[in-house]
Amino acid sequence: MSISTPTAASREDAVIECTGLSRWYGEVQGLAGLDLRIGTGVIGLLGPNGSGKSTLMRLLTGLISPSRGTVKLFGELMTPGNCHLFQRVGHTPGDDVHLETERAIDFLTMLACLGGVSRGEAVKCADGALDKVGLLAKREVRLNAMSKGMRQRVKVAQALLFDPDLLLLDEPLNGMDPISRRRTLDFVREFGAAGKTVVLASHVLHEVEAVTDHLVLLHHGRLLAEGRLAEIRALVDKKPRSLTVSGDELRALAASLLASELVTGIQFTEDGRLQLETPNLSEVLDHLAEFGLQGNIESMELEDENLEAVFGMLVGESA
């Protein structure tokens, strides 16, 4: 399975450019001084609830205005006079936006008509969007008779009505069943691979990792880290990593590691394995490689450094 690789975004080719972007709700800080440029491809917007993801989405769609700073879309400043920019943007909000008693086809047709097309063209747009999310067979079902997952897919469908160049998805997978999640993530990958831009906001980290390795991490309204997964992992290389080694002559190995001051923690398990904690992973691995040349190491387990662990480390470090 391949994932989308976003292009590097210079100031000239940035699809989204935020400069000093801030938003307050009274005395509550929703977003603080965000500087960010995003090009084409799929970008994961990560953070726990309250981190500023939805605030950023609302600022990018003009639903709220910045308290300070600016937003550019496709190189144009987002101002009240530049509403034409939103013709190229599709948005799936985090909140429900349905008219409960309407059929799916009627709800989407109404939105398409509000977008400025004729009734006949609006029906075509609505059917095409429902087909993309796998709900064409449910076009006549009323929204209040749909499951949470189906209603989420209707929200994704309304964002696709006019084949946007920029797709903003705010927690789109909430409530979806596994098959719907897989289908949605497949579509996100395809959309990004077609040279368009997707910003996928989520607090479910492994879902974002399934479609992109380009991440933007927010925490308490501030940019915590931005870049490729490998680059973000490099930011926490100095944090202690755990290894477990099994084999012979482990006490001699432990003594040599302690003497070299490469480890910050060391202990033996009940079954005789050696557990190490080190902030100098590469040096310890070199040391183990030399020790292993003597045939004394049977196996080594390195703590899995998944995306959730990296995020937790960065949050803990900033806190």
Protein backbone atom coordinates (compact mmCIF):
# COMPACT_ATOMS: atom_id res chain seq x y z
CA MET A 1 0.00 0.00 0.00
CA SER A 2 1.43 3.35 -1.04
CA ILE A 3 0.85 6.65 0.69
CA SER A 4 0.69 10.16 -0.71
CA THR A 5 3.90 12.16 -0.62
CA PRO A 6 3.20 15.90 -0.44
CA THR A 7 5.27 18.26 -2.50
CA ALA A 8 7.51 20.77 -0.76
CA ALA A 9 5.60 24.04 -0.55
CA SER A 10 7.46 27.21 -1.41
CA ARG A 11 5.76 30.55 -0.95
CA GLU A 12 4.99 30.60 -4.67
CA ASP A 13 3.32 27.17 -4.95
CA ALA A 14 1.72 26.88 -1.49
CA VAL A 15 -1.93 25.86 -1.59
CA ILE A 16 -2.34 27.03 2.02
CA GLU A 17 -0.18 29.69 3.66
CA CYS A 18 -0.78 30.82 7.24
CA THR A 19 1.26 33.70 8.64
CA GLY A 20 1.10 34.57 12.31
CA LEU A 21 -2.41 33.10 12.37
CA SER A 22 -4.14 33.50 15.74
CA ARG A 23 -7.67 33.20 17.04
CA TRP A 24 -9.05 33.87 20.50
CA TYR A 25 -12.51 33.11 21.88
CA GLY A 26 -12.69 35.75 24.57
CA GLU A 27 -9.81 34.88 26.86
CA VAL A 28 -9.48 31.36 25.45
CA GLN A 29 -6.71 30.81 22.91
CA GLY A 30 -7.85 28.68 19.98
CA LEU A 31 -4.78 29.16 17.79
CA ALA A 32 -1.59 31.11 18.47
CA GLY A 33 0.82 32.56 15.90
CA LEU A 34 0.67 29.70 13.40
CA ASP A 35 3.15 29.90 10.49
CA LEU A 36 2.53 27.10 8.01
CA ARG A 37 2.78 26.39 4.27
CA ILE A 38 1.14 23.36 2.68
CA GLY A 39 1.49 22.15 -0.91
CA THR A 40 -0.25 19.35 -2.79
CA GLY A 41 -0.76 15.84 -1.45
CA VAL A 42 -2.20 14.53 1.81
CA ILE A 43 -1.28 16.26 5.07
CA GLY A 44 -2.23 14.87 8.46
CA LEU A 45 -3.37 17.47 11.00
CA LEU A 46 -2.90 15.83 14.36
CA GLY A 47 -3.73 16.74 17.91
CA PRO A 48 -5.97 15.83 20.83
CA ASN A 49 -9.35 17.46 21.30
CA GLY A 50 -8.85 21.15 22.04
CA SER A 51 -5.52 21.36 20.23
CA GLY A 52 -6.76 23.84 17.60
CA LYS A 53 -7.54 21.54 14.65
CA SER A 54 -11.16 22.63 14.20
CA THR A 55 -10.25 26.29 14.76
CA LEU A 56 -7.72 26.06 11.94
CA MET A 57 -10.30 24.38 9.68
CA ARG A 58 -12.83 27.12 10.37
CA LEU A 59 -10.25 29.81 9.64
CA LEU A 60 -9.32 28.12 6.35
CA THR A 61 -12.96 28.02 5.27
CA GLY A 62 -13.83 31.56 6.31
CA LEU A 63 -16.35 30.41 8.91
CA ILE A 64 -14.47 32.53 11.45
CA SER A 65 -12.02 35.40 11.04
CA PRO A 66 -8.49 35.60 12.45
CA SER A 67 -7.89 37.64 15.57
CA ARG A 68 -4.44 38.26 14.12
CA GLY A 69 -2.46 37.10 11.09
CA THR A 70 -3.44 36.07 7.57
CA VAL A 71 -4.51 33.09 5.47
CA LYS A 72 -3.76 32.66 1.78
CA LEU A 73 -5.37 29.99 -0.42
CA PHE A 74 -3.86 29.29 -3.84
CA GLY A 75 -1.68 32.38 -3.42
CA GLU A 76 -4.56 34.80 -2.77
CA LEU A 77 -5.27 36.51 0.52
CA MET A 78 -8.49 35.31 2.09
CA THR A 79 -10.61 38.43 2.44
CA PRO A 80 -14.38 39.04 2.16
CA GLY A 81 -13.90 40.08 -1.46
CA ASN A 82 -12.21 36.83 -2.49
CA CYS A 83 -15.13 34.44 -2.01
CA HIS A 84 -14.36 32.83 -5.38
CA LEU A 85 -11.55 30.94 -3.64
CA PHE A 86 -14.10 28.73 -1.93
CA GLN A 87 -15.25 27.36 -5.28
CA ARG A 88 -12.06 25.30 -5.15
CA VAL A 89 -12.50 24.13 -1.53
CA GLY A 90 -14.48 21.23 -0.09
CA HIS A 91 -15.04 21.02 3.66
CA THR A 92 -16.29 18.24 5.92
CA PRO A 93 -17.00 19.89 9.28
CA GLY A 94 -16.62 18.08 12.56
CA ASP A 95 -20.17 18.98 13.64
CA ASP A 96 -23.33 17.58 12.07
CA VAL A 97 -24.73 19.90 9.41
CA HIS A 98 -27.67 17.82 8.19
CA LEU A 99 -31.32 18.69 7.63
CA GLU A 100 -32.58 15.65 9.49
CA THR A 101 -35.81 14.93 7.60
CA GLU A 102 -34.36 15.33 4.11
CA ARG A 103 -33.36 12.45 1.86
CA ALA A 104 -29.64 12.27 1.11
CA ILE A 105 -30.16 13.13 -2.57
CA ASP A 106 -32.37 16.12 -1.74
CA PHE A 107 -29.95 17.47 0.88
CA LEU A 108 -26.98 17.32 -1.47
CA THR A 109 -28.99 18.66 -4.42
CA MET A 110 -30.02 21.67 -2.35
CA LEU A 111 -26.37 22.36 -1.44
CA ALA A 112 -25.33 22.06 -5.08
CA CYS A 113 -28.07 24.51 -6.13
CA LEU A 114 -26.83 26.94 -3.49
CA GLY A 115 -23.45 26.58 -5.18
CA GLY A 116 -24.93 28.12 -8.31
CA VAL A 117 -25.75 25.26 -10.69
CA SER A 118 -29.08 24.34 -12.28
CA ARG A 119 -31.42 21.79 -10.67
CA GLY A 120 -30.57 19.12 -13.24
CA GLU A 121 -26.82 19.65 -12.87
CA ALA A 122 -27.20 19.69 -9.09
CA VAL A 123 -28.78 16.23 -9.11
CA LYS A 124 -25.88 14.94 -11.22
CA CYS A 125 -23.37 16.46 -8.80
CA ALA A 126 -25.20 14.93 -5.84
CA ASP A 127 -25.36 11.45 -7.37
CA GLY A 128 -21.68 11.61 -8.33
CA ALA A 129 -20.68 12.60 -4.80
CA LEU A 130 -22.81 9.85 -3.23
CA ASP A 131 -21.24 7.35 -5.60
CA LYS A 132 -17.73 8.39 -4.52
CA VAL A 133 -18.54 7.63 -0.88
CA GLY A 134 -20.42 4.41 -1.64
CA LEU A 135 -23.91 5.70 -0.81
CA LEU A 136 -25.55 5.95 -4.22
CA ALA A 137 -27.84 3.03 -3.37
CA LYS A 138 -28.96 4.95 -0.25
CA ARG A 139 -29.80 8.19 -2.06
CA GLU A 140 -33.50 7.99 -1.11
CA VAL A 141 -32.88 7.32 2.60
CA ARG A 142 -33.69 10.17 4.98
CA LEU A 143 -30.79 11.42 7.05
CA ASN A 144 -32.50 10.80 10.39
CA ALA A 145 -32.83 7.12 9.41
CA MET A 146 -29.10 6.74 8.71
CA SER A 147 -26.43 5.44 11.05
CA LYS A 148 -23.74 7.76 12.39
CA GLY A 149 -21.26 6.32 9.91
CA MET A 150 -23.56 6.85 6.93
CA ARG A 151 -24.22 10.43 7.99
CA GLN A 152 -20.47 11.00 8.15
CA ARG A 153 -20.19 9.76 4.57
CA VAL A 154 -22.92 12.19 3.51
CA LYS A 155 -20.80 14.98 5.01
CA VAL A 156 -17.82 13.82 2.97
CA ALA A 157 -20.05 13.67 -0.11
CA GLN A 158 -21.15 17.31 0.27
CA ALA A 159 -17.48 18.33 0.31
CA LEU A 160 -17.00 16.59 -3.05
CA LEU A 161 -19.93 18.12 -4.91
CA PHE A 162 -17.81 20.41 -7.10
CA ASP A 163 -14.61 18.36 -7.44
CA PRO A 164 -12.49 20.68 -5.25
CA ASP A 165 -8.75 21.21 -5.47
CA LEU A 166 -8.47 21.50 -1.67
CA LEU A 167 -10.29 19.09 0.61
CA LEU A 168 -10.51 19.87 4.34
CA LEU A 169 -11.67 16.89 6.39
CA ASP A 170 -12.31 17.47 10.10
CA GLU A 171 -12.46 14.09 11.91
CA PRO A 172 -14.28 12.47 8.95
CA LEU A 173 -13.91 8.89 10.18
CA ASN A 174 -15.80 9.29 13.47
CA GLY A 175 -18.55 6.69 13.68
CA MET A 176 -17.65 4.93 10.44
CA ASP A 177 -17.54 1.15 10.30
CA PRO A 178 -14.22 -0.48 9.29
CA ILE A 179 -15.20 -0.92 5.63
CA SER A 180 -16.31 2.71 5.32
CA ARG A 181 -13.10 3.88 6.99
CA ARG A 182 -11.00 1.88 4.57
CA ARG A 183 -12.95 3.19 1.58
CA THR A 184 -12.61 6.78 2.79
CA LEU A 185 -8.88 6.46 3.40
CA ASP A 186 -8.43 4.88 -0.04
CA PHE A 187 -10.25 7.84 -1.57
CA VAL A 188 -8.09 10.31 0.38
CA ARG A 189 -4.94 8.64 -0.96
CA GLU A 190 -6.26 8.76 -4.53
CA PHE A 191 -7.29 12.41 -4.17
CA GLY A 192 -3.83 13.42 -3.01
CA ALA A 193 -2.10 11.31 -5.67
CA ALA A 194 -4.10 13.19 -8.34
CA GLY A 195 -2.16 16.38 -7.54
CA LYS A 196 -4.72 17.89 -5.19
CA THR A 197 -4.48 18.74 -1.51
CA VAL A 198 -6.13 17.03 1.46
CA VAL A 199 -5.84 18.21 5.05
CA LEU A 200 -7.02 15.30 7.19
CA ALA A 201 -7.62 16.31 10.82
CA SER A 202 -7.74 13.49 13.32
CA HIS A 203 -6.81 12.42 16.82
CA VAL A 204 -6.63 8.77 15.69
CA LEU A 205 -2.99 8.70 14.73
CA HIS A 206 -2.66 5.35 12.97
CA GLU A 207 -5.41 6.36 10.51
CA VAL A 208 -3.43 9.42 9.42
CA GLU A 209 -0.24 7.37 9.19
CA ALA A 210 -2.06 5.05 6.76
CA VAL A 211 -2.43 7.81 4.14
CA THR A 212 0.53 10.17 4.58
CA ASP A 213 3.89 10.63 6.24
CA HIS A 214 3.59 14.44 6.21
CA LEU A 215 2.31 15.64 9.57
CA VAL A 216 1.32 18.86 11.29
CA LEU A 217 1.03 18.44 15.06
CA LEU A 218 -0.91 20.97 17.12
CA HIS A 219 -1.01 21.22 20.90
CA HIS A 220 -2.87 23.88 22.91
CA GLY A 221 -3.28 25.98 19.77
CA ARG A 222 0.40 26.01 18.90
CA LEU A 223 2.46 24.25 16.25
CA LEU A 224 4.23 21.41 18.04
CA ALA A 225 6.00 19.92 15.02
CA GLU A 226 5.68 19.82 11.23
CA GLY A 227 7.35 17.66 8.62
CA ARG A 228 7.72 14.07 7.55
CA LEU A 229 7.28 11.32 10.07
CA ALA A 230 10.97 10.44 9.97
CA GLU A 231 11.92 14.08 10.57
CA ILE A 232 9.54 14.35 13.52
CA ARG A 233 10.91 11.15 14.97
CA ALA A 234 14.38 12.65 14.71
CA LEU A 235 13.24 15.44 17.04
CA VAL A 236 12.86 12.91 19.83
CA ASP A 237 15.99 10.87 19.26
CA LYS A 238 17.40 12.23 22.49
CA LYS A 239 14.48 10.77 24.43
CA PRO A 240 15.26 7.43 26.09
CA ARG A 241 14.56 4.33 24.01
CA SER A 242 14.07 0.83 25.39
CA LEU A 243 15.71 -2.38 24.17
CA THR A 244 15.52 -5.95 25.41
CA VAL A 245 18.41 -8.29 24.66
CA SER A 246 18.60 -12.06 25.13
CA GLY A 247 21.68 -14.23 24.85
CA ASP A 248 24.84 -15.25 26.70
CA GLU A 249 27.32 -13.22 28.76
CA LEU A 250 24.70 -10.53 29.35
CA ARG A 251 26.22 -9.46 32.65
CA ALA A 252 29.47 -8.69 30.86
CA LEU A 253 27.47 -6.73 28.27
CA ALA A 254 25.69 -4.79 31.02
CA ALA A 255 29.00 -3.95 32.69
CA SER A 256 30.52 -2.69 29.44
CA LEU A 257 27.48 -0.51 28.68
CA LEU A 258 27.52 1.00 32.15
CA ALA A 259 31.22 1.71 31.84
CA SER A 260 30.66 3.45 28.51
CA GLU A 261 27.88 5.62 30.02
CA LEU A 262 25.67 4.90 27.02
CA VAL A 263 22.67 3.76 29.08
CA THR A 264 20.52 5.52 31.65
CA GLY A 265 18.76 2.41 32.90
CA ILE A 266 19.52 -1.28 33.05
CA GLN A 267 17.84 -4.32 34.61
CA PHE A 268 17.40 -8.06 34.18
CA THR A 269 13.99 -9.66 33.68
CA GLU A 270 12.85 -12.76 35.53
CA ASP A 271 13.63 -14.91 32.49
CA GLY A 272 17.19 -13.57 32.30
CA ARG A 273 16.87 -11.03 29.50
CA LEU A 274 18.61 -7.66 29.68
CA GLN A 275 16.49 -4.50 29.46
CA LEU A 276 18.23 -1.26 28.52
CA GLU A 277 17.17 2.37 28.41
CA THR A 278 19.29 4.79 26.41
CA PRO A 279 19.17 8.28 24.89
CA ASN A 280 22.06 7.22 22.58
CA LEU A 281 20.36 4.59 20.48
CA SER A 282 22.74 4.57 17.53
CA GLU A 283 25.82 4.23 19.76
CA VAL A 284 24.23 1.42 21.77
CA LEU A 285 23.31 -0.42 18.57
CA ASP A 286 26.93 -0.14 17.41
CA HIS A 287 28.08 -1.47 20.79
CA LEU A 288 25.64 -4.39 20.55
CA ALA A 289 26.77 -5.15 17.00
CA GLU A 290 30.37 -5.51 18.19
CA PHE A 291 29.29 -7.65 21.14
CA GLY A 292 27.14 -9.75 18.81
CA LEU A 293 30.12 -10.63 16.62
CA GLN A 294 31.14 -13.02 19.41
CA GLY A 295 27.86 -14.91 19.00
CA ASN A 296 26.53 -13.88 22.40
CA ILE A 297 23.29 -12.18 21.30
CA GLU A 298 20.34 -14.39 20.38
CA SER A 299 17.71 -11.69 19.86
CA MET A 300 17.04 -8.00 20.38
CA GLU A 301 13.68 -6.23 20.65
CA LEU A 302 13.46 -2.50 20.09
CA GLU A 303 10.47 -0.63 21.49
CA ASP A 304 8.16 0.15 18.58
CA GLU A 305 8.40 3.86 17.88
CA ASN A 306 4.95 4.28 16.35
CA LEU A 307 3.31 7.59 15.55
CA GLU A 308 1.35 7.70 18.78
CA ALA A 309 4.51 7.25 20.83
CA VAL A 310 6.24 10.04 18.93
CA PHE A 311 3.30 12.38 19.49
CA GLY A 312 3.22 11.50 23.17
CA MET A 313 6.92 12.20 23.52
CA LEU A 314 6.66 15.57 21.80
CA VAL A 315 3.67 16.61 23.88
CA GLY A 316 5.41 15.51 27.05
CA GLU A 317 8.53 17.39 26.07
CA SER A 318 6.67 20.62 25.35
CA ALA A 319 4.58 20.33 28.48
